[in-house]
Amino acid sequence: MELLENGLSVIVSLTKILLELISVLCIIVGLGATFKLVIRQPYVLRDLPFFKVRLCLGSWLALALEFQLGADILATTIAPSLESLAKLGAIAIIRTLLNYFLGKELETERELQEKNIVR
C-alpha cells in the first residue's frame, strides 16, 4: 500500500509541476501576443484601444490561472496536514475569485467591443 501511495505522490507532484509550467508558458505567450499586438500597429496609427490590449493579456492570464488552480487542487491530494490543506484552500479561493472577476471584466469588454461602444 505504501508503494502505491508513494507512486501516487510522485505522479501528482510531476503533474502539478507540469501544470505550473504550462501556466508560466501561458503568461509568457500572452505577454508575447500582447507585445506583438502593440508593436504591430504603425507608429502614426497608434490609436489601438486599451481594451484590446487588456482583452488579449487578460485572456491569457485567465487561462494561466485555470492551470494554477488545477495544480493547487492536485496538491491537496497529497497535502500532509490540515494546515497545508487550509492554506491551499485559501489560495484556491483567491485564485478562483481573481479568475471570476477577470472573466467578468473580459466579458464586459467583449460586449462593448461587439456593440461598437468602444473604438
C-alpha atoms as a PDB file:
ATOM      1  CA  MET A   1       0.000   0.000   0.000  1.00  0.00           C
ATOM      2  CA  GLU A   2       2.869   2.352   0.804  1.00  0.00           C
ATOM      3  CA  LEU A   3       4.294   1.750  -2.666  1.00  0.00           C
ATOM      4  CA  LEU A   4       1.004   2.868  -4.231  1.00  0.00           C
ATOM      5  CA  GLU A   5       0.908   5.981  -2.043  1.00  0.00           C
ATOM      6  CA  ASN A   6       4.477   6.868  -2.993  1.00  0.00           C
ATOM      7  CA  GLY A   7       3.725   6.254  -6.657  1.00  0.00           C
ATOM      8  CA  LEU A   8       0.626   8.434  -6.491  1.00  0.00           C
ATOM      9  CA  SER A   9       2.594  11.137  -4.709  1.00  0.00           C
ATOM     10  CA  VAL A  10       5.228  11.146  -7.453  1.00  0.00           C
ATOM     11  CA  ILE A  11       2.613  11.235 -10.227  1.00  0.00           C
ATOM     12  CA  VAL A  12       0.707  14.068  -8.543  1.00  0.00           C
ATOM     13  CA  SER A  13       3.902  16.041  -7.925  1.00  0.00           C
ATOM     14  CA  LEU A  14       5.033  15.684 -11.537  1.00  0.00           C
ATOM     15  CA  THR A  15       1.593  16.612 -12.849  1.00  0.00           C
ATOM     16  CA  LYS A  16       1.480  19.631 -10.527  1.00  0.00           C
ATOM     17  CA  ILE A  17       4.857  20.808 -11.832  1.00  0.00           C
ATOM     18  CA  LEU A  18       3.660  20.285 -15.414  1.00  0.00           C
ATOM     19  CA  LEU A  19       0.509  22.349 -14.776  1.00  0.00           C
ATOM     20  CA  GLU A  20       2.572  25.121 -13.196  1.00  0.00           C
ATOM     21  CA  LEU A  21       4.940  25.072 -16.183  1.00  0.00           C
ATOM     22  CA  ILE A  22       2.000  25.326 -18.584  1.00  0.00           C
ATOM     23  CA  SER A  23       0.711  28.257 -16.541  1.00  0.00           C
ATOM     24  CA  VAL A  24       4.045  30.067 -16.836  1.00  0.00           C
ATOM     25  CA  LEU A  25       4.118  29.347 -20.577  1.00  0.00           C
ATOM     26  CA  CYS A  26       0.605  30.803 -20.921  1.00  0.00           C
ATOM     27  CA  ILE A  27       1.782  34.010 -19.279  1.00  0.00           C
ATOM     28  CA  ILE A  28       4.882  34.202 -21.485  1.00  0.00           C
ATOM     29  CA  VAL A  29       2.874  33.546 -24.656  1.00  0.00           C
ATOM     30  CA  GLY A  30       0.262  36.074 -23.521  1.00  0.00           C
ATOM     31  CA  LEU A  31       2.915  38.719 -22.956  1.00  0.00           C
ATOM     32  CA  GLY A  32       4.362  37.971 -26.383  1.00  0.00           C
ATOM     33  CA  ALA A  33       0.971  38.136 -28.095  1.00  0.00           C
ATOM     34  CA  THR A  34       0.126  41.384 -26.331  1.00  0.00           C
ATOM     35  CA  PHE A  35       3.511  42.894 -27.158  1.00  0.00           C
ATOM     36  CA  LYS A  36       3.076  41.841 -30.791  1.00  0.00           C
ATOM     37  CA  LEU A  37      -0.384  43.442 -30.860  1.00  0.00           C
ATOM     38  CA  VAL A  38       1.012  46.742 -29.603  1.00  0.00           C
ATOM     39  CA  ILE A  39       4.172  46.727 -31.752  1.00  0.00           C
ATOM     40  CA  ARG A  40       2.399  45.671 -34.943  1.00  0.00           C
ATOM     41  CA  GLN A  41       0.495  48.947 -35.100  1.00  0.00           C
ATOM     42  CA  PRO A  42       2.223  51.629 -37.164  1.00  0.00           C
ATOM     43  CA  TYR A  43       3.615  54.420 -35.009  1.00  0.00           C
ATOM     44  CA  VAL A  44       1.411  57.028 -36.688  1.00  0.00           C
ATOM     45  CA  LEU A  45      -1.753  54.970 -36.216  1.00  0.00           C
ATOM     46  CA  ARG A  46      -1.264  54.085 -32.552  1.00  0.00           C
ATOM     47  CA  ASP A  47      -4.908  54.508 -31.640  1.00  0.00           C
ATOM     48  CA  LEU A  48      -5.069  50.875 -30.580  1.00  0.00           C
ATOM     49  CA  PRO A  49      -7.745  50.832 -27.904  1.00  0.00           C
ATOM     50  CA  PHE A  50      -6.531  49.930 -24.448  1.00  0.00           C
ATOM     51  CA  PHE A  51      -9.321  47.371 -24.050  1.00  0.00           C
ATOM     52  CA  LYS A  52      -7.943  45.270 -26.928  1.00  0.00           C
ATOM     53  CA  VAL A  53      -4.609  45.044 -25.155  1.00  0.00           C
ATOM     54  CA  ARG A  54      -6.320  44.150 -21.865  1.00  0.00           C
ATOM     55  CA  LEU A  55      -8.535  41.611 -23.620  1.00  0.00           C
ATOM     56  CA  CYS A  56      -5.529  39.884 -25.174  1.00  0.00           C
ATOM     57  CA  LEU A  57      -3.447  39.757 -21.999  1.00  0.00           C
ATOM     58  CA  GLY A  58      -6.433  39.089 -19.741  1.00  0.00           C
ATOM     59  CA  SER A  59      -7.474  36.030 -21.732  1.00  0.00           C
ATOM     60  CA  TRP A  60      -4.020  34.505 -21.348  1.00  0.00           C
ATOM     61  CA  LEU A  61      -3.891  35.361 -17.639  1.00  0.00           C
ATOM     62  CA  ALA A  62      -7.288  33.724 -17.088  1.00  0.00           C
ATOM     63  CA  LEU A  63      -6.024  30.571 -18.796  1.00  0.00           C
ATOM     64  CA  ALA A  64      -2.871  30.608 -16.652  1.00  0.00           C
ATOM     65  CA  LEU A  65      -4.995  30.931 -13.509  1.00  0.00           C
ATOM     66  CA  GLU A  66      -7.010  27.865 -14.527  1.00  0.00           C
ATOM     67  CA  PHE A  67      -3.839  25.792 -14.773  1.00  0.00           C
ATOM     68  CA  GLN A  68      -2.603  27.148 -11.426  1.00  0.00           C
ATOM     69  CA  LEU A  69      -5.903  26.230  -9.805  1.00  0.00           C
ATOM     70  CA  GLY A  70      -5.601  22.719 -11.219  1.00  0.00           C
ATOM     71  CA  ALA A  71      -2.115  22.458  -9.735  1.00  0.00           C
ATOM     72  CA  ASP A  72      -3.449  23.600  -6.350  1.00  0.00           C
ATOM     73  CA  ILE A  73      -6.236  21.024  -6.445  1.00  0.00           C
ATOM     74  CA  LEU A  74      -3.723  18.273  -7.186  1.00  0.00           C
ATOM     75  CA  ALA A  75      -1.503  19.464  -4.344  1.00  0.00           C
ATOM     76  CA  THR A  76      -4.361  18.994  -1.876  1.00  0.00           C
ATOM     77  CA  THR A  77      -4.482  15.280  -2.673  1.00  0.00           C
ATOM     78  CA  ILE A  78      -1.055  14.756  -1.107  1.00  0.00           C
ATOM     79  CA  ALA A  79      -1.071  17.565   1.485  1.00  0.00           C
ATOM     80  CA  PRO A  80       0.256  16.122   4.735  1.00  0.00           C
ATOM     81  CA  SER A  81      -1.505  18.369   7.248  1.00  0.00           C
ATOM     82  CA  LEU A  82      -4.708  20.240   7.928  1.00  0.00           C
ATOM     83  CA  GLU A  83      -2.721  23.492   7.905  1.00  0.00           C
ATOM     84  CA  SER A  84      -1.460  22.757   4.383  1.00  0.00           C
ATOM     85  CA  LEU A  85      -4.994  21.984   3.250  1.00  0.00           C
ATOM     86  CA  ALA A  86      -6.255  25.253   4.742  1.00  0.00           C
ATOM     87  CA  LYS A  87      -3.511  27.257   3.014  1.00  0.00           C
ATOM     88  CA  LEU A  88      -4.177  25.585  -0.319  1.00  0.00           C
ATOM     89  CA  GLY A  89      -7.910  26.117   0.131  1.00  0.00           C
ATOM     90  CA  ALA A  90      -7.359  29.827   0.737  1.00  0.00           C
ATOM     91  CA  ILE A  91      -5.107  30.062  -2.322  1.00  0.00           C
ATOM     92  CA  ALA A  92      -7.687  28.218  -4.427  1.00  0.00           C
ATOM     93  CA  ILE A  93     -10.447  30.582  -3.278  1.00  0.00           C
ATOM     94  CA  ILE A  94      -8.343  33.655  -4.043  1.00  0.00           C
ATOM     95  CA  ARG A  95      -7.381  32.340  -7.480  1.00  0.00           C
ATOM     96  CA  THR A  96     -10.968  31.380  -8.239  1.00  0.00           C
ATOM     97  CA  LEU A  97     -12.198  34.850  -7.289  1.00  0.00           C
ATOM     98  CA  LEU A  98      -9.458  36.518  -9.333  1.00  0.00           C
ATOM     99  CA  ASN A  99     -10.331  34.363 -12.310  1.00  0.00           C
ATOM    100  CA  TYR A 100     -14.059  35.039 -11.890  1.00  0.00           C
ATOM    101  CA  PHE A 101     -13.661  38.821 -11.791  1.00  0.00           C
ATOM    102  CA  LEU A 102     -11.125  38.801 -14.610  1.00  0.00           C
ATOM    103  CA  GLY A 103     -13.568  36.751 -16.678  1.00  0.00           C
ATOM    104  CA  LYS A 104     -16.407  39.180 -15.928  1.00  0.00           C
ATOM    105  CA  GLU A 105     -14.231  42.117 -16.928  1.00  0.00           C
ATOM    106  CA  LEU A 106     -13.204  40.422 -20.168  1.00  0.00           C
ATOM    107  CA  GLU A 107     -16.832  39.551 -20.923  1.00  0.00           C
ATOM    108  CA  THR A 108     -17.885  43.171 -20.397  1.00  0.00           C
ATOM    109  CA  GLU A 109     -15.129  44.426 -22.666  1.00  0.00           C
ATOM    110  CA  ARG A 110     -16.066  41.907 -25.367  1.00  0.00           C
ATOM    111  CA  GLU A 111     -19.695  43.043 -25.192  1.00  0.00           C
ATOM    112  CA  LEU A 112     -18.608  46.669 -25.511  1.00  0.00           C
ATOM    113  CA  GLN A 113     -16.475  45.742 -28.494  1.00  0.00           C
ATOM    114  CA  GLU A 114     -19.372  43.917 -30.166  1.00  0.00           C
ATOM    115  CA  LYS A 115     -21.730  46.850 -29.577  1.00  0.00           C
ATOM    116  CA  ASN A 116     -19.083  49.165 -31.010  1.00  0.00           C
ATOM    117  CA  ILE A 117     -19.374  51.444 -27.984  1.00  0.00           C
ATOM    118  CA  VAL A 118     -15.607  51.459 -27.569  1.00  0.00           C
ATOM    119  CA  ARG A 119     -13.410  52.058 -30.602  1.00  0.00           C
END
